Protein backbone atom coordinates (compact mmCIF):
# COMPACT_ATOMS: atom_id res chain seq x y z
CA MET A 1 0.00 0.00 0.00
CA PHE A 2 2.82 2.36 0.92
CA LYS A 3 4.51 1.70 -2.44
CA ILE A 4 1.30 2.48 -4.33
CA VAL A 5 0.84 5.79 -2.49
CA THR A 6 4.49 6.67 -3.12
CA ILE A 7 4.15 5.97 -6.85
CA ILE A 8 0.99 8.12 -7.09
CA LEU A 9 2.67 11.01 -5.25
CA MET A 10 5.77 10.80 -7.46
CA SER A 11 3.60 10.78 -10.58
CA PHE A 12 1.69 13.85 -9.36
CA MET A 13 4.95 15.72 -8.58
CA THR A 14 6.35 14.85 -12.02
CA MET A 15 3.23 16.18 -13.77
CA SER A 16 3.38 19.38 -11.71
CA LEU A 17 7.03 19.86 -12.60
CA PHE A 18 6.34 19.79 -16.34
CA THR A 19 3.02 21.67 -16.33
CA GLY A 20 3.39 24.23 -13.55
CA CYS A 21 6.18 26.14 -15.29
CA VAL A 22 4.46 26.42 -18.65
CA GLN A 23 3.20 29.91 -19.48
CA PRO A 24 -0.19 30.11 -21.19
CA ASP A 25 -0.04 31.27 -24.79
CA ILE A 26 -0.85 34.96 -25.23
CA HIS A 27 -3.14 35.50 -28.17
CA ILE A 28 -3.23 39.06 -29.43
CA ASN A 29 -6.45 40.37 -30.89
CA LYS A 30 -5.28 42.38 -33.87
CA ASP A 31 -8.72 43.62 -34.81
CA LYS A 32 -8.54 47.23 -35.96
CA ASN A 33 -10.59 48.38 -32.98
CA LYS A 34 -8.39 46.62 -30.41
CA ASN A 35 -5.19 48.36 -29.31
CA PHE A 36 -2.28 46.75 -27.50
CA TRP A 37 1.03 47.79 -26.02
CA GLY A 38 4.36 46.81 -27.47
CA ASP A 39 5.26 44.41 -24.67
CA LEU A 40 2.52 42.08 -25.94
CA THR A 41 3.95 41.94 -29.45
CA ASN A 42 7.47 42.15 -30.84
CA ALA A 43 9.78 44.57 -32.56
CA ASP A 44 9.11 43.07 -35.98
CA ASP A 45 5.56 44.44 -35.92
CA VAL A 46 6.64 48.06 -36.32
CA ASP A 47 9.13 49.70 -38.66
CA MET A 48 11.42 52.16 -36.87
CA SER A 49 14.39 51.44 -39.13
CA ASP A 50 14.05 54.48 -41.40
CA ASP A 51 14.41 52.16 -44.41
CA ASN A 52 11.16 53.28 -46.04
CA LEU A 53 11.48 57.01 -46.53
CA THR A 54 10.27 59.59 -49.01
CA GLU A 55 12.73 61.05 -51.50
CA SER A 56 13.47 64.18 -49.44
CA GLU A 57 14.24 61.98 -46.41
CA MET A 58 16.97 60.04 -48.21
CA MET A 59 19.76 62.52 -47.44
CA ILE A 60 22.01 59.69 -46.29
CA SER A 61 21.81 56.70 -48.64
CA GLU A 62 24.74 54.52 -47.51
CA ASP A 63 23.82 51.09 -46.21
CA GLY A 64 24.92 49.76 -42.85
CA GLU A 65 24.34 50.80 -39.24
CA GLU A 66 27.81 52.36 -39.07
CA ASN A 67 26.76 54.94 -41.66
CA LYS A 68 23.57 55.95 -39.85
CA MET A 69 23.16 58.58 -37.17
CA GLU A 70 23.72 57.25 -33.66
CA ARG A 71 20.79 57.46 -31.27
CA ILE A 72 21.15 58.92 -27.79
CA ALA A 73 21.24 56.52 -24.85
CA PHE A 74 17.82 55.11 -24.00
CA PRO A 75 16.50 57.29 -21.12
CA GLU A 76 15.12 54.64 -18.76
CA SER A 77 14.04 57.15 -16.11
CA GLU A 78 11.88 59.07 -18.59
CA TYR A 79 10.07 55.95 -19.72
CA TYR A 80 9.73 54.61 -16.18
CA ARG A 81 7.60 57.65 -15.29
CA LEU A 82 5.16 57.14 -18.16
CA ALA A 83 1.62 55.99 -17.36
CA ARG A 84 0.68 52.65 -18.89
CA THR A 85 -3.12 52.83 -18.57
CA GLY A 86 -5.64 55.52 -19.42
CA LYS A 87 -9.08 56.42 -20.74
CA GLY A 88 -8.27 58.75 -23.63
CA THR A 89 -9.11 58.24 -27.31
CA VAL A 90 -7.24 59.36 -30.44
CA LYS A 91 -9.01 58.92 -33.76
CA GLY A 92 -8.90 60.26 -37.29
CA THR A 93 -8.05 59.40 -40.90
CA ILE A 94 -4.64 58.74 -42.43
CA TYR A 95 -4.06 59.91 -46.00
CA VAL A 96 -1.66 61.61 -48.40
CA LYS A 97 -2.69 64.69 -50.39
CA ASP A 98 -1.69 65.04 -54.03
CA ALA A 99 -0.43 68.61 -54.53
CA TYR A 100 -1.47 68.67 -58.21
CA ASN A 101 -5.11 67.63 -58.14
CA ASP A 102 -5.91 67.87 -54.41
CA LYS A 103 -6.76 64.17 -54.37
CA ARG A 104 -6.61 62.13 -51.17
CA VAL A 105 -4.82 58.78 -51.19
CA LEU A 106 -6.09 56.91 -48.16
CA GLY A 107 -3.90 54.77 -45.93
CA ALA A 108 -6.12 51.70 -46.05
CA SER A 109 -5.48 48.82 -43.63
CA THR A 110 -2.14 50.20 -42.47
CA ARG A 111 -0.43 49.99 -39.07
CA LEU A 112 -0.27 53.12 -36.90
CA TYR A 113 1.30 53.68 -33.53
CA LEU A 114 1.59 56.21 -30.72
CA ASN A 115 5.14 56.88 -29.55
CA PRO A 116 5.41 58.81 -26.23
CA ILE A 117 7.32 62.07 -26.59
CA THR A 118 10.63 61.79 -24.74
CA SER A 119 14.16 62.99 -25.46
CA TYR A 120 14.64 59.66 -27.28
CA SER A 121 11.67 59.99 -29.63
CA GLU A 122 12.29 63.73 -30.01
CA GLN A 123 15.72 62.96 -31.49
CA TRP A 124 14.10 60.64 -34.05
CA TYR A 125 11.44 63.25 -34.93
CA GLN A 126 13.90 66.12 -35.33
CA GLU A 127 16.83 64.34 -36.94
CA SER A 128 15.12 61.65 -39.01
CA TYR A 129 11.53 62.64 -39.76
CA LEU A 130 12.16 66.38 -40.15
CA GLY A 131 15.92 66.42 -40.81
CA GLY A 132 15.99 63.49 -43.22
CA TYR A 133 18.84 61.53 -41.64
CA GLN A 134 18.68 57.77 -41.33
CA MET A 135 19.25 56.55 -37.79
CA GLN A 136 20.51 53.38 -36.22
CA ALA A 137 18.02 50.77 -35.03
CA ALA A 138 15.92 51.78 -32.02
CA ASP A 139 16.57 50.28 -28.59
CA PRO A 140 14.30 47.20 -28.23
CA ARG A 141 12.96 48.57 -24.92
CA LEU A 142 11.16 51.29 -26.86
CA PHE A 143 8.61 48.76 -28.14
CA ASN A 144 7.28 48.26 -24.61
CA TYR A 145 5.94 51.83 -24.71
CA LEU A 146 4.35 52.00 -28.16
CA LYS A 147 0.60 51.64 -28.67
CA PHE A 148 -0.62 50.11 -31.93
CA THR A 149 -3.75 50.09 -34.04
CA ALA A 150 -4.65 49.69 -37.72
CA SER A 151 -6.79 51.74 -40.09
CA ASP A 152 -9.83 50.39 -41.92
CA LYS A 153 -10.31 50.34 -45.70
CA ASN A 154 -11.23 54.04 -45.59
CA GLY A 155 -8.12 55.05 -43.69
CA LYS A 156 -9.99 55.63 -40.42
CA PHE A 157 -8.25 54.66 -37.19
CA ALA A 158 -8.76 54.88 -33.43
CA PHE A 159 -6.66 54.32 -30.32
CA TYR A 160 -8.54 53.53 -27.10
CA GLY A 161 -7.39 53.51 -23.48
CA VAL A 162 -4.66 56.08 -24.12
CA PRO A 163 -2.91 57.39 -20.97
CA SER A 164 -2.65 61.15 -20.45
CA GLY A 165 0.43 62.50 -22.17
CA SER A 166 1.97 63.71 -25.42
CA TYR A 167 2.75 61.39 -28.33
CA TYR A 168 3.99 61.18 -31.86
CA LEU A 169 1.21 59.75 -33.98
CA ILE A 170 2.93 57.77 -36.77
CA GLY A 171 1.71 55.84 -39.79
CA THR A 172 2.56 54.97 -43.39
CA VAL A 173 0.62 55.34 -46.65
CA LYS A 174 1.50 53.33 -49.75
CA CYS A 175 1.34 55.52 -52.85
CA GLY A 176 2.44 55.04 -56.47
CA GLU A 177 1.27 56.54 -59.74
CA GLU A 178 -1.61 58.32 -58.00
CA CYS A 179 1.04 60.41 -56.20
CA GLY A 180 3.18 60.93 -59.29
CA TYR A 181 5.76 58.24 -58.48
CA ASP A 182 7.09 55.71 -60.99
CA SER A 183 6.85 52.92 -58.41
CA MET A 184 5.05 52.25 -55.14
CA LYS A 185 6.50 54.13 -52.16
CA ASN A 186 5.88 54.03 -48.44
CA ILE A 187 5.21 57.57 -47.25
CA ARG A 188 5.75 57.93 -43.53
CA ILE A 189 3.69 60.52 -41.67
CA ALA A 190 4.18 61.76 -38.11
CA THR A 191 2.58 64.49 -36.02
CA LYS A 192 2.27 65.45 -32.36
CA VAL A 193 -0.87 64.80 -30.34
CA SER A 194 -1.72 65.27 -26.64
CA VAL A 195 -4.37 63.52 -24.53
CA ARG A 196 -5.72 64.43 -21.08
CA GLY A 197 -7.96 62.19 -18.99
CA ASN A 198 -10.90 60.73 -20.91
CA GLN A 199 -10.51 63.27 -23.71
CA ILE A 200 -11.45 62.24 -27.27
CA VAL A 201 -8.91 63.76 -29.66
CA GLU A 202 -9.75 63.87 -33.36
CA LYS A 203 -6.55 64.20 -35.39
CA ASP A 204 -6.03 63.32 -39.05
CA LEU A 205 -2.61 62.05 -40.02
CA THR A 206 -1.71 63.58 -43.37
CA ARG A 207 1.01 65.14 -45.50
CA MET A 208 1.53 66.29 -49.07
CA ALA A 209 2.95 63.86 -51.63
CA GLU A 210 6.24 65.15 -53.03
């Protein structure tokens, strides 16, 4: 009898050893109306590499990280102070405007993200987005603080549960002949947006095609 009880207990302990340490799979709902933070996805889901730029942003064309502008050190203390939950909403439409015929080219079914404004993201905005310089890859820790969503077929998007704060709203529109280009290009768009409390901010993300 003692041997039988011992065998049962050992079997139970063995099962616990192999099952108790297994993390449940995390399934991300990527529906366009469901937002999620970067720590529930991975760095491959968002392009911060500056590889897809408009013609005026290609001031530095050499390949290789060594030929790109170095980023400042990742400011952990700044990001540590950021709120991770909130009740704000940011919504609008992403599109590119054709300067010749005033036509809108909608950013249909494209990924957008909110990037908190810090000294780290400010460097990217000033030097890369406005200045046109390609930068080295972003620190992987940044992706823990980005909030993602996707536009619908009409270019409309919405972020829900946004914490109070200031952000860069960033997205990309694919545009080809309708923008006067010989081939399809990814046109990156970024702008600043601020949210307070349960505020609903309506902000279109747009720029002129070059």
